[in-house]
Amino acid sequence: MKAELSEDEESDMLDFLYTSQYHMNVILAISLGRIAEPGTNGYYTYAVYMRFQKKEDFVKFYNNSYYLGVVKYHVSPHCYGSISVDYESQVQDDILAIFR
């Protein structure tokens, strides 16, 4: 994030990211916030973790105009760049596994 990010801007950005799950029914769980100890280069300062039920839901999410707007208007103006890591895994059928 850019050094001039204010507390209000940070709160606004995190709120928009977090509430995305209520605007799009494909997100099962979301967790986000500051990285406690950024890497030695200090480039990655925030993380967002989202869980989806199916691969198709993930594709829908990435093409969703609401999410694209959140990134364009509430995240991108405050950062130098971002990195995305996507992976597929299987979890138990237990509802608690969704939040692990």
PDB file of N, CA and C in Angstrom:
ATOM      1  N   MET A   1       0.825  -1.184   0.000  1.00  0.00           N
ATOM      2  CA  MET A   1       0.000   0.000   0.000  1.00  0.00           C
ATOM      3  C   MET A   1       0.867   1.245   0.000  1.00  0.00           C
ATOM      4  N   LYS A   2       0.309   2.286  -0.521  1.00  0.00           N
ATOM      5  CA  LYS A   2       1.018   3.559  -0.550  1.00  0.00           C
ATOM      6  C   LYS A   2       1.100   4.123   0.871  1.00  0.00           C
ATOM      7  N   ALA A   3       2.180   4.809   1.157  1.00  0.00           N
ATOM      8  CA  ALA A   3       2.432   5.330   2.502  1.00  0.00           C
ATOM      9  C   ALA A   3       1.366   6.328   2.939  1.00  0.00           C
ATOM     10  N   GLU A   4       0.763   7.019   2.003  1.00  0.00           N
ATOM     11  CA  GLU A   4      -0.212   8.051   2.363  1.00  0.00           C
ATOM     12  C   GLU A   4      -1.623   7.507   2.616  1.00  0.00           C
ATOM     13  N   LEU A   5      -1.791   6.193   2.668  1.00  0.00           N
ATOM     14  CA  LEU A   5      -3.087   5.589   2.959  1.00  0.00           C
ATOM     15  C   LEU A   5      -3.525   5.978   4.368  1.00  0.00           C
ATOM     16  N   SER A   6      -4.646   6.692   4.479  1.00  0.00           N
ATOM     17  CA  SER A   6      -5.142   7.122   5.789  1.00  0.00           C
ATOM     18  C   SER A   6      -5.908   5.990   6.461  1.00  0.00           C
ATOM     19  N   GLU A   7      -6.161   6.136   7.758  1.00  0.00           N
ATOM     20  CA  GLU A   7      -6.928   5.123   8.486  1.00  0.00           C
ATOM     21  C   GLU A   7      -8.336   4.994   7.923  1.00  0.00           C
ATOM     22  N   ASP A   8      -8.945   6.121   7.548  1.00  0.00           N
ATOM     23  CA  ASP A   8     -10.294   6.087   6.967  1.00  0.00           C
ATOM     24  C   ASP A   8     -10.295   5.377   5.618  1.00  0.00           C
ATOM     25  N   GLU A   9      -9.293   5.644   4.793  1.00  0.00           N
ATOM     26  CA  GLU A   9      -9.197   4.980   3.493  1.00  0.00           C
ATOM     27  C   GLU A   9      -8.958   3.482   3.673  1.00  0.00           C
ATOM     28  N   GLU A  10      -8.113   3.134   4.636  1.00  0.00           N
ATOM     29  CA  GLU A  10      -7.860   1.727   4.914  1.00  0.00           C
ATOM     30  C   GLU A  10      -9.143   1.033   5.368  1.00  0.00           C
ATOM     31  N   SER A  11      -9.854   1.645   6.277  1.00  0.00           N
ATOM     32  CA  SER A  11     -11.106   1.072   6.778  1.00  0.00           C
ATOM     33  C   SER A  11     -12.127   0.912   5.663  1.00  0.00           C
ATOM     34  N   ASP A  12     -12.243   1.932   4.816  1.00  0.00           N
ATOM     35  CA  ASP A  12     -13.164   1.894   3.680  1.00  0.00           C
ATOM     36  C   ASP A  12     -12.805   0.756   2.731  1.00  0.00           C
ATOM     37  N   MET A  13     -11.533   0.637   2.405  1.00  0.00           N
ATOM     38  CA  MET A  13     -11.061  -0.410   1.497  1.00  0.00           C
ATOM     39  C   MET A  13     -11.381  -1.799   2.067  1.00  0.00           C
ATOM     40  N   LEU A  14     -11.027  -2.021   3.326  1.00  0.00           N
ATOM     41  CA  LEU A  14     -11.258  -3.330   3.947  1.00  0.00           C
ATOM     42  C   LEU A  14     -12.744  -3.628   4.075  1.00  0.00           C
ATOM     43  N   ASP A  15     -13.553  -2.613   4.383  1.00  0.00           N
ATOM     44  CA  ASP A  15     -15.005  -2.812   4.474  1.00  0.00           C
ATOM     45  C   ASP A  15     -15.591  -3.227   3.130  1.00  0.00           C
ATOM     46  N   PHE A  16     -15.185  -2.554   2.062  1.00  0.00           N
ATOM     47  CA  PHE A  16     -15.701  -2.912   0.736  1.00  0.00           C
ATOM     48  C   PHE A  16     -15.291  -4.329   0.348  1.00  0.00           C
ATOM     49  N   LEU A  17     -14.038  -4.689   0.632  1.00  0.00           N
ATOM     50  CA  LEU A  17     -13.594  -6.045   0.316  1.00  0.00           C
ATOM     51  C   LEU A  17     -14.376  -7.076   1.137  1.00  0.00           C
ATOM     52  N   TYR A  18     -14.517  -6.824   2.429  1.00  0.00           N
ATOM     53  CA  TYR A  18     -15.185  -7.788   3.303  1.00  0.00           C
ATOM     54  C   TYR A  18     -16.667  -7.951   2.950  1.00  0.00           C
ATOM     55  N   THR A  19     -17.345  -6.849   2.684  1.00  0.00           N
ATOM     56  CA  THR A  19     -18.778  -6.936   2.393  1.00  0.00           C
ATOM     57  C   THR A  19     -19.073  -7.446   0.988  1.00  0.00           C
ATOM     58  N   SER A  20     -18.032  -7.677   0.187  1.00  0.00           N
ATOM     59  CA  SER A  20     -18.247  -8.288  -1.131  1.00  0.00           C
ATOM     60  C   SER A  20     -18.985  -9.612  -1.005  1.00  0.00           C
ATOM     61  N   GLN A  21     -18.743 -10.329   0.077  1.00  0.00           N
ATOM     62  CA  GLN A  21     -19.389 -11.621   0.263  1.00  0.00           C
ATOM     63  C   GLN A  21     -20.907 -11.497   0.385  1.00  0.00           C
ATOM     64  N   TYR A  22     -21.401 -10.349   0.794  1.00  0.00           N
ATOM     65  CA  TYR A  22     -22.850 -10.149   0.922  1.00  0.00           C
ATOM     66  C   TYR A  22     -23.476  -9.687  -0.383  1.00  0.00           C
ATOM     67  N   HIS A  23     -22.669  -9.207  -1.291  1.00  0.00           N
ATOM     68  CA  HIS A  23     -23.160  -8.756  -2.592  1.00  0.00           C
ATOM     69  C   HIS A  23     -23.065  -9.838  -3.660  1.00  0.00           C
ATOM     70  N   MET A  24     -22.275 -10.868  -3.369  1.00  0.00           N
ATOM     71  CA  MET A  24     -22.085 -11.960  -4.317  1.00  0.00           C
ATOM     72  C   MET A  24     -22.237 -13.267  -3.550  1.00  0.00           C
ATOM     73  N   ASN A  25     -23.192 -14.064  -3.932  1.00  0.00           N
ATOM     74  CA  ASN A  25     -23.473 -15.289  -3.177  1.00  0.00           C
ATOM     75  C   ASN A  25     -22.513 -16.436  -3.457  1.00  0.00           C
ATOM     76  N   VAL A  26     -21.457 -16.220  -4.199  1.00  0.00           N
ATOM     77  CA  VAL A  26     -20.528 -17.305  -4.519  1.00  0.00           C
ATOM     78  C   VAL A  26     -19.396 -17.441  -3.500  1.00  0.00           C
ATOM     79  N   ILE A  27     -19.195 -16.443  -2.644  1.00  0.00           N
ATOM     80  CA  ILE A  27     -18.129 -16.481  -1.648  1.00  0.00           C
ATOM     81  C   ILE A  27     -18.638 -17.189  -0.396  1.00  0.00           C
ATOM     82  N   LEU A  28     -17.971 -18.284  -0.004  1.00  0.00           N
ATOM     83  CA  LEU A  28     -18.363 -19.001   1.211  1.00  0.00           C
ATOM     84  C   LEU A  28     -17.777 -18.369   2.456  1.00  0.00           C
ATOM     85  N   ALA A  29     -16.532 -17.935   2.386  1.00  0.00           N
ATOM     86  CA  ALA A  29     -15.852 -17.343   3.532  1.00  0.00           C
ATOM     87  C   ALA A  29     -14.807 -16.352   3.043  1.00  0.00           C
ATOM     88  N   ILE A  30     -14.575 -15.331   3.848  1.00  0.00           N
ATOM     89  CA  ILE A  30     -13.570 -14.334   3.508  1.00  0.00           C
ATOM     90  C   ILE A  30     -12.838 -13.926   4.784  1.00  0.00           C
ATOM     91  N   SER A  31     -11.548 -13.716   4.641  1.00  0.00           N
ATOM     92  CA  SER A  31     -10.720 -13.254   5.742  1.00  0.00           C
ATOM     93  C   SER A  31      -9.729 -12.268   5.157  1.00  0.00           C
ATOM     94  N   LEU A  32      -9.497 -11.157   5.830  1.00  0.00           N
ATOM     95  CA  LEU A  32      -8.602 -10.150   5.271  1.00  0.00           C
ATOM     96  C   LEU A  32      -8.021  -9.270   6.355  1.00  0.00           C
ATOM     97  N   GLY A  33      -6.953  -8.581   6.007  1.00  0.00           N
ATOM     98  CA  GLY A  33      -6.349  -7.629   6.924  1.00  0.00           C
ATOM     99  C   GLY A  33      -4.887  -7.401   6.622  1.00  0.00           C
ATOM    100  N   ARG A  34      -4.248  -6.657   7.517  1.00  0.00           N
ATOM    101  CA  ARG A  34      -2.816  -6.383   7.376  1.00  0.00           C
ATOM    102  C   ARG A  34      -2.016  -7.639   7.660  1.00  0.00           C
ATOM    103  N   ILE A  35      -0.924  -7.779   6.948  1.00  0.00           N
ATOM    104  CA  ILE A  35       0.004  -8.868   7.216  1.00  0.00           C
ATOM    105  C   ILE A  35       0.845  -8.434   8.419  1.00  0.00           C
ATOM    106  N   ALA A  36       0.869  -9.267   9.447  1.00  0.00           N
ATOM    107  CA  ALA A  36       1.538  -8.909  10.697  1.00  0.00           C
ATOM    108  C   ALA A  36       3.010  -8.590  10.493  1.00  0.00           C
ATOM    109  N   GLU A  37       3.698  -9.412   9.747  1.00  0.00           N
ATOM    110  CA  GLU A  37       5.117  -9.196   9.486  1.00  0.00           C
ATOM    111  C   GLU A  37       5.358  -9.324   7.988  1.00  0.00           C
ATOM    112  N   PRO A  38       5.258  -8.201   7.271  1.00  0.00           N
ATOM    113  CA  PRO A  38       5.502  -8.270   5.820  1.00  0.00           C
ATOM    114  C   PRO A  38       6.881  -8.840   5.528  1.00  0.00           C
ATOM    115  N   GLY A  39       7.028  -9.426   4.347  1.00  0.00           N
ATOM    116  CA  GLY A  39       8.311 -10.001   3.949  1.00  0.00           C
ATOM    117  C   GLY A  39       9.441  -8.995   4.064  1.00  0.00           C
ATOM    118  N   THR A  40      10.627  -9.450   3.915  1.00  0.00           N
ATOM    119  CA  THR A  40      11.796  -8.582   4.072  1.00  0.00           C
ATOM    120  C   THR A  40      11.774  -7.401   3.118  1.00  0.00           C
ATOM    121  N   ASN A  41      11.113  -7.564   1.980  1.00  0.00           N
ATOM    122  CA  ASN A  41      11.033  -6.452   1.036  1.00  0.00           C
ATOM    123  C   ASN A  41       9.888  -5.501   1.378  1.00  0.00           C
ATOM    124  N   GLY A  42       8.954  -5.921   2.253  1.00  0.00           N
ATOM    125  CA  GLY A  42       7.863  -5.066   2.690  1.00  0.00           C
ATOM    126  C   GLY A  42       6.816  -4.767   1.641  1.00  0.00           C
ATOM    127  N   TYR A  43       6.872  -5.449   0.508  1.00  0.00           N
ATOM    128  CA  TYR A  43       5.945  -5.144  -0.575  1.00  0.00           C
ATOM    129  C   TYR A  43       4.509  -5.572  -0.291  1.00  0.00           C
ATOM    130  N   TYR A  44       4.325  -6.688   0.331  1.00  0.00           N
ATOM    131  CA  TYR A  44       2.980  -7.218   0.540  1.00  0.00           C
ATOM    132  C   TYR A  44       2.541  -6.884   1.951  1.00  0.00           C
ATOM    133  N   THR A  45       1.587  -5.982   2.058  1.00  0.00           N
ATOM    134  CA  THR A  45       1.189  -5.470   3.365  1.00  0.00           C
ATOM    135  C   THR A  45      -0.207  -5.897   3.787  1.00  0.00           C
ATOM    136  N   TYR A  46      -1.022  -6.357   2.844  1.00  0.00           N
ATOM    137  CA  TYR A  46      -2.389  -6.798   3.139  1.00  0.00           C
ATOM    138  C   TYR A  46      -2.649  -8.123   2.430  1.00  0.00           C
ATOM    139  N   ALA A  47      -3.566  -8.889   2.983  1.00  0.00           N
ATOM    140  CA  ALA A  47      -3.940 -10.157   2.351  1.00  0.00           C
ATOM    141  C   ALA A  47      -5.452 -10.328   2.407  1.00  0.00           C
ATOM    142  N   VAL A  48      -5.990 -10.944   1.364  1.00  0.00           N
ATOM    143  CA  VAL A  48      -7.407 -11.292   1.300  1.00  0.00           C
ATOM    144  C   VAL A  48      -7.480 -12.765   0.951  1.00  0.00           C
ATOM    145  N   TYR A  49      -8.185 -13.520   1.755  1.00  0.00           N
ATOM    146  CA  TYR A  49      -8.358 -14.955   1.531  1.00  0.00           C
ATOM    147  C   TYR A  49      -9.843 -15.203   1.344  1.00  0.00           C
ATOM    148  N   MET A  50     -10.210 -15.813   0.228  1.00  0.00           N
ATOM    149  CA  MET A  50     -11.613 -16.132  -0.059  1.00  0.00           C
ATOM    150  C   MET A  50     -11.735 -17.610  -0.385  1.00  0.00           C
ATOM    151  N   ARG A  51     -12.840 -18.176   0.030  1.00  0.00           N
ATOM    152  CA  ARG A  51     -13.099 -19.589  -0.248  1.00  0.00           C
ATOM    153  C   ARG A  51     -14.397 -19.697  -1.047  1.00  0.00           C
ATOM    154  N   PHE A  52     -14.339 -20.552  -2.076  1.00  0.00           N
ATOM    155  CA  PHE A  52     -15.481 -20.794  -2.958  1.00  0.00           C
ATOM    156  C   PHE A  52     -15.815 -22.268  -2.931  1.00  0.00           C
ATOM    157  N   GLN A  53     -17.079 -22.593  -3.209  1.00  0.00           N
ATOM    158  CA  GLN A  53     -17.483 -23.995  -3.194  1.00  0.00           C
ATOM    159  C   GLN A  53     -17.024 -24.741  -4.442  1.00  0.00           C
ATOM    160  N   LYS A  54     -17.152 -24.083  -5.599  1.00  0.00           N
ATOM    161  CA  LYS A  54     -16.810 -24.739  -6.860  1.00  0.00           C
ATOM    162  C   LYS A  54     -15.922 -23.830  -7.697  1.00  0.00           C
ATOM    163  N   LYS A  55     -15.170 -24.432  -8.573  1.00  0.00           N
ATOM    164  CA  LYS A  55     -14.310 -23.674  -9.481  1.00  0.00           C
ATOM    165  C   LYS A  55     -15.145 -22.705 -10.326  1.00  0.00           C
ATOM    166  N   GLU A  56     -16.318 -23.117 -10.721  1.00  0.00           N
ATOM    167  CA  GLU A  56     -17.194 -22.265 -11.530  1.00  0.00           C
ATOM    168  C   GLU A  56     -17.593 -20.996 -10.771  1.00  0.00           C
ATOM    169  N   ASP A  57     -17.761 -21.122  -9.445  1.00  0.00           N
ATOM    170  CA  ASP A  57     -18.100 -19.950  -8.631  1.00  0.00           C
ATOM    171  C   ASP A  57     -16.957 -18.945  -8.627  1.00  0.00           C
ATOM    172  N   PHE A  58     -15.746 -19.454  -8.590  1.00  0.00           N
ATOM    173  CA  PHE A  58     -14.569 -18.600  -8.619  1.00  0.00           C
ATOM    174  C   PHE A  58     -14.512 -17.818  -9.930  1.00  0.00           C
ATOM    175  N   VAL A  59     -14.795 -18.475 -11.030  1.00  0.00           N
ATOM    176  CA  VAL A  59     -14.796 -17.811 -12.339  1.00  0.00           C
ATOM    177  C   VAL A  59     -15.862 -16.714 -12.365  1.00  0.00           C
ATOM    178  N   LYS A  60     -17.047 -17.008 -11.839  1.00  0.00           N
ATOM    179  CA  LYS A  60     -18.120 -16.002 -11.765  1.00  0.00           C
ATOM    180  C   LYS A  60     -17.673 -14.802 -10.939  1.00  0.00           C
ATOM    181  N   PHE A  61     -17.009 -15.080  -9.834  1.00  0.00           N
ATOM    182  CA  PHE A  61     -16.553 -14.023  -8.944  1.00  0.00           C
ATOM    183  C   PHE A  61     -15.587 -13.081  -9.656  1.00  0.00           C
ATOM    184  N   TYR A  62     -14.592 -13.628 -10.311  1.00  0.00           N
ATOM    185  CA  TYR A  62     -13.572 -12.805 -10.959  1.00  0.00           C
ATOM    186  C   TYR A  62     -14.133 -11.943 -12.082  1.00  0.00           C
ATOM    187  N   ASN A  63     -15.262 -12.327 -12.649  1.00  0.00           N
ATOM    188  CA  ASN A  63     -15.876 -11.558 -13.733  1.00  0.00           C
ATOM    189  C   ASN A  63     -17.034 -10.695 -13.255  1.00  0.00           C
ATOM    190  N   ASN A  64     -17.266 -10.666 -11.954  1.00  0.00           N
ATOM    191  CA  ASN A  64     -18.393  -9.930 -11.394  1.00  0.00           C
ATOM    192  C   ASN A  64     -18.115  -8.425 -11.405  1.00  0.00           C
ATOM    193  N   SER A  65     -19.044  -7.657 -11.940  1.00  0.00           N
ATOM    194  CA  SER A  65     -18.843  -6.204 -12.064  1.00  0.00           C
ATOM    195  C   SER A  65     -18.756  -5.528 -10.693  1.00  0.00           C
ATOM    196  N   TYR A  66     -19.442  -6.059  -9.683  1.00  0.00           N
ATOM    197  CA  TYR A  66     -19.350  -5.463  -8.345  1.00  0.00           C
ATOM    198  C   TYR A  66     -17.917  -5.584  -7.826  1.00  0.00           C
ATOM    199  N   TYR A  67     -17.350  -6.782  -7.896  1.00  0.00           N
ATOM    200  CA  TYR A  67     -15.990  -6.996  -7.416  1.00  0.00           C
ATOM    201  C   TYR A  67     -14.990  -6.154  -8.210  1.00  0.00           C
ATOM    202  N   LEU A  68     -15.141  -6.112  -9.508  1.00  0.00           N
ATOM    203  CA  LEU A  68     -14.245  -5.315 -10.348  1.00  0.00           C
ATOM    204  C   LEU A  68     -14.299  -3.838  -9.950  1.00  0.00           C
ATOM    205  N   GLY A  69     -15.497  -3.360  -9.595  1.00  0.00           N
ATOM    206  CA  GLY A  69     -15.650  -1.983  -9.127  1.00  0.00           C
ATOM    207  C   GLY A  69     -14.977  -1.745  -7.784  1.00  0.00           C
ATOM    208  N   VAL A  70     -15.095  -2.708  -6.871  1.00  0.00           N
ATOM    209  CA  VAL A  70     -14.435  -2.594  -5.566  1.00  0.00           C
ATOM    210  C   VAL A  70     -12.930  -2.470  -5.760  1.00  0.00           C
ATOM    211  N   VAL A  71     -12.375  -3.316  -6.603  1.00  0.00           N
ATOM    212  CA  VAL A  71     -10.930  -3.272  -6.848  1.00  0.00           C
ATOM    213  C   VAL A  71     -10.539  -1.951  -7.515  1.00  0.00           C
ATOM    214  N   LYS A  72     -11.298  -1.543  -8.519  1.00  0.00           N
ATOM    215  CA  LYS A  72     -10.950  -0.339  -9.277  1.00  0.00           C
ATOM    216  C   LYS A  72     -11.045   0.944  -8.437  1.00  0.00           C
ATOM    217  N   TYR A  73     -12.115   1.061  -7.626  1.00  0.00           N
ATOM    218  CA  TYR A  73     -12.360   2.315  -6.927  1.00  0.00           C
ATOM    219  C   TYR A  73     -11.916   2.341  -5.458  1.00  0.00           C
ATOM    220  N   HIS A  74     -11.758   1.173  -4.845  1.00  0.00           N
ATOM    221  CA  HIS A  74     -11.476   1.149  -3.411  1.00  0.00           C
ATOM    222  C   HIS A  74     -10.156   0.475  -3.036  1.00  0.00           C
ATOM    223  N   VAL A  75      -9.528  -0.230  -3.973  1.00  0.00           N
ATOM    224  CA  VAL A  75      -8.266  -0.903  -3.667  1.00  0.00           C
ATOM    225  C   VAL A  75      -7.130  -0.332  -4.518  1.00  0.00           C
ATOM    226  N   SER A  76      -7.265  -0.398  -5.808  1.00  0.00           N
ATOM    227  CA  SER A  76      -6.185   0.014  -6.723  1.00  0.00           C
ATOM    228  C   SER A  76      -5.658   1.431  -6.495  1.00  0.00           C
ATOM    229  N   PRO A  77      -6.511   2.408  -6.179  1.00  0.00           N
ATOM    230  CA  PRO A  77      -5.969   3.757  -5.968  1.00  0.00           C
ATOM    231  C   PRO A  77      -4.983   3.854  -4.798  1.00  0.00           C
ATOM    232  N   HIS A  78      -5.012   2.876  -3.909  1.00  0.00           N
ATOM    233  CA  HIS A  78      -4.184   2.926  -2.705  1.00  0.00           C
ATOM    234  C   HIS A  78      -2.964   2.022  -2.751  1.00  0.00           C
ATOM    235  N   CYS A  79      -2.773   1.303  -3.844  1.00  0.00           N
ATOM    236  CA  CYS A  79      -1.648   0.366  -3.857  1.00  0.00           C
ATOM    237  C   CYS A  79      -0.819   0.513  -5.122  1.00  0.00           C
ATOM    238  N   TYR A  80       0.390   0.018  -5.034  1.00  0.00           N
ATOM    239  CA  TYR A  80       1.312   0.047  -6.158  1.00  0.00           C
ATOM    240  C   TYR A  80       1.071  -1.123  -7.095  1.00  0.00           C
ATOM    241  N   GLY A  81       0.449  -2.170  -6.605  1.00  0.00           N
ATOM    242  CA  GLY A  81       0.188  -3.355  -7.402  1.00  0.00           C
ATOM    243  C   GLY A  81      -0.354  -4.457  -6.514  1.00  0.00           C
ATOM    244  N   SER A  82      -0.633  -5.580  -7.113  1.00  0.00           N
ATOM    245  CA  SER A  82      -1.160  -6.706  -6.337  1.00  0.00           C
ATOM    246  C   SER A  82      -0.712  -8.013  -6.978  1.00  0.00           C
ATOM    247  N   ILE A  83      -0.872  -9.053  -6.220  1.00  0.00           N
ATOM    248  CA  ILE A  83      -0.568 -10.393  -6.703  1.00  0.00           C
ATOM    249  C   ILE A  83      -1.722 -11.294  -6.279  1.00  0.00           C
ATOM    250  N   SER A  84      -2.104 -12.198  -7.154  1.00  0.00           N
ATOM    251  CA  SER A  84      -3.166 -13.157  -6.844  1.00  0.00           C
ATOM    252  C   SER A  84      -2.598 -14.567  -6.917  1.00  0.00           C
ATOM    253  N   VAL A  85      -2.976 -15.361  -5.961  1.00  0.00           N
ATOM    254  CA  VAL A  85      -2.593 -16.765  -5.937  1.00  0.00           C
ATOM    255  C   VAL A  85      -3.890 -17.557  -5.812  1.00  0.00           C
ATOM    256  N   ASP A  86      -4.159 -18.366  -6.794  1.00  0.00           N
ATOM    257  CA  ASP A  86      -5.374 -19.175  -6.809  1.00  0.00           C
ATOM    258  C   ASP A  86      -4.979 -20.636  -6.768  1.00  0.00           C
ATOM    259  N   TYR A  87      -5.677 -21.405  -5.958  1.00  0.00           N
ATOM    260  CA  TYR A  87      -5.405 -22.834  -5.923  1.00  0.00           C
ATOM    261  C   TYR A  87      -6.687 -23.592  -5.621  1.00  0.00           C
ATOM    262  N   GLU A  88      -6.688 -24.818  -6.041  1.00  0.00           N
ATOM    263  CA  GLU A  88      -7.842 -25.686  -5.873  1.00  0.00           C
ATOM    264  C   GLU A  88      -7.511 -26.741  -4.826  1.00  0.00           C
ATOM    265  N   SER A  89      -8.446 -26.983  -3.923  1.00  0.00           N
ATOM    266  CA  SER A  89      -8.249 -28.015  -2.906  1.00  0.00           C
ATOM    267  C   SER A  89      -9.595 -28.633  -2.566  1.00  0.00           C
ATOM    268  N   GLN A  90      -9.532 -29.741  -1.893  1.00  0.00           N
ATOM    269  CA  GLN A  90     -10.753 -30.400  -1.431  1.00  0.00           C
ATOM    270  C   GLN A  90     -10.733 -30.408   0.085  1.00  0.00           C
ATOM    271  N   VAL A  91     -11.900 -30.168   0.665  1.00  0.00           N
ATOM    272  CA  VAL A  91     -12.037 -30.199   2.117  1.00  0.00           C
ATOM    273  C   VAL A  91     -13.129 -31.189   2.490  1.00  0.00           C
ATOM    274  N   GLN A  92     -13.172 -31.514   3.739  1.00  0.00           N
ATOM    275  CA  GLN A  92     -14.212 -32.421   4.224  1.00  0.00           C
ATOM    276  C   GLN A  92     -15.576 -31.817   3.962  1.00  0.00           C
ATOM    277  N   ASP A  93     -16.587 -32.648   3.974  1.00  0.00           N
ATOM    278  CA  ASP A  93     -17.952 -32.187   3.754  1.00  0.00           C
ATOM    279  C   ASP A  93     -18.500 -31.440   4.973  1.00  0.00           C
ATOM    280  N   ASP A  94     -17.741 -31.370   6.004  1.00  0.00           N
ATOM    281  CA  ASP A  94     -18.105 -30.715   7.248  1.00  0.00           C
ATOM    282  C   ASP A  94     -18.114 -29.201   7.061  1.00  0.00           C
ATOM    283  N   ILE A  95     -19.121 -28.500   7.561  1.00  0.00           N
ATOM    284  CA  ILE A  95     -19.231 -27.063   7.392  1.00  0.00           C
ATOM    285  C   ILE A  95     -18.066 -26.323   8.066  1.00  0.00           C
ATOM    286  N   LEU A  96     -17.517 -26.851   9.146  1.00  0.00           N
ATOM    287  CA  LEU A  96     -16.398 -26.191   9.818  1.00  0.00           C
ATOM    288  C   LEU A  96     -15.154 -26.122   8.943  1.00  0.00           C
ATOM    289  N   ALA A  97     -14.990 -27.089   8.056  1.00  0.00           N
ATOM    290  CA  ALA A  97     -13.817 -27.098   7.179  1.00  0.00           C
ATOM    291  C   ALA A  97     -13.803 -25.903   6.236  1.00  0.00           C
ATOM    292  N   ILE A  98     -14.959 -25.327   5.972  1.00  0.00           N
ATOM    293  CA  ILE A  98     -15.052 -24.176   5.086  1.00  0.00           C
ATOM    294  C   ILE A  98     -14.256 -23.006   5.658  1.00  0.00           C
ATOM    295  N   PHE A  99     -14.223 -22.883   6.967  1.00  0.00           N
ATOM    296  CA  PHE A  99     -13.607 -21.715   7.604  1.00  0.00           C
ATOM    297  C   PHE A  99     -12.172 -21.971   8.072  1.00  0.00           C
ATOM    298  N   ARG A 100     -11.608 -23.129   7.776  1.00  0.00           N
ATOM    299  CA  ARG A 100     -10.232 -23.424   8.170  1.00  0.00           C
ATOM    300  C   ARG A 100      -9.259 -22.923   7.145  1.00  0.00           C
TER     301      ARG A 100
END
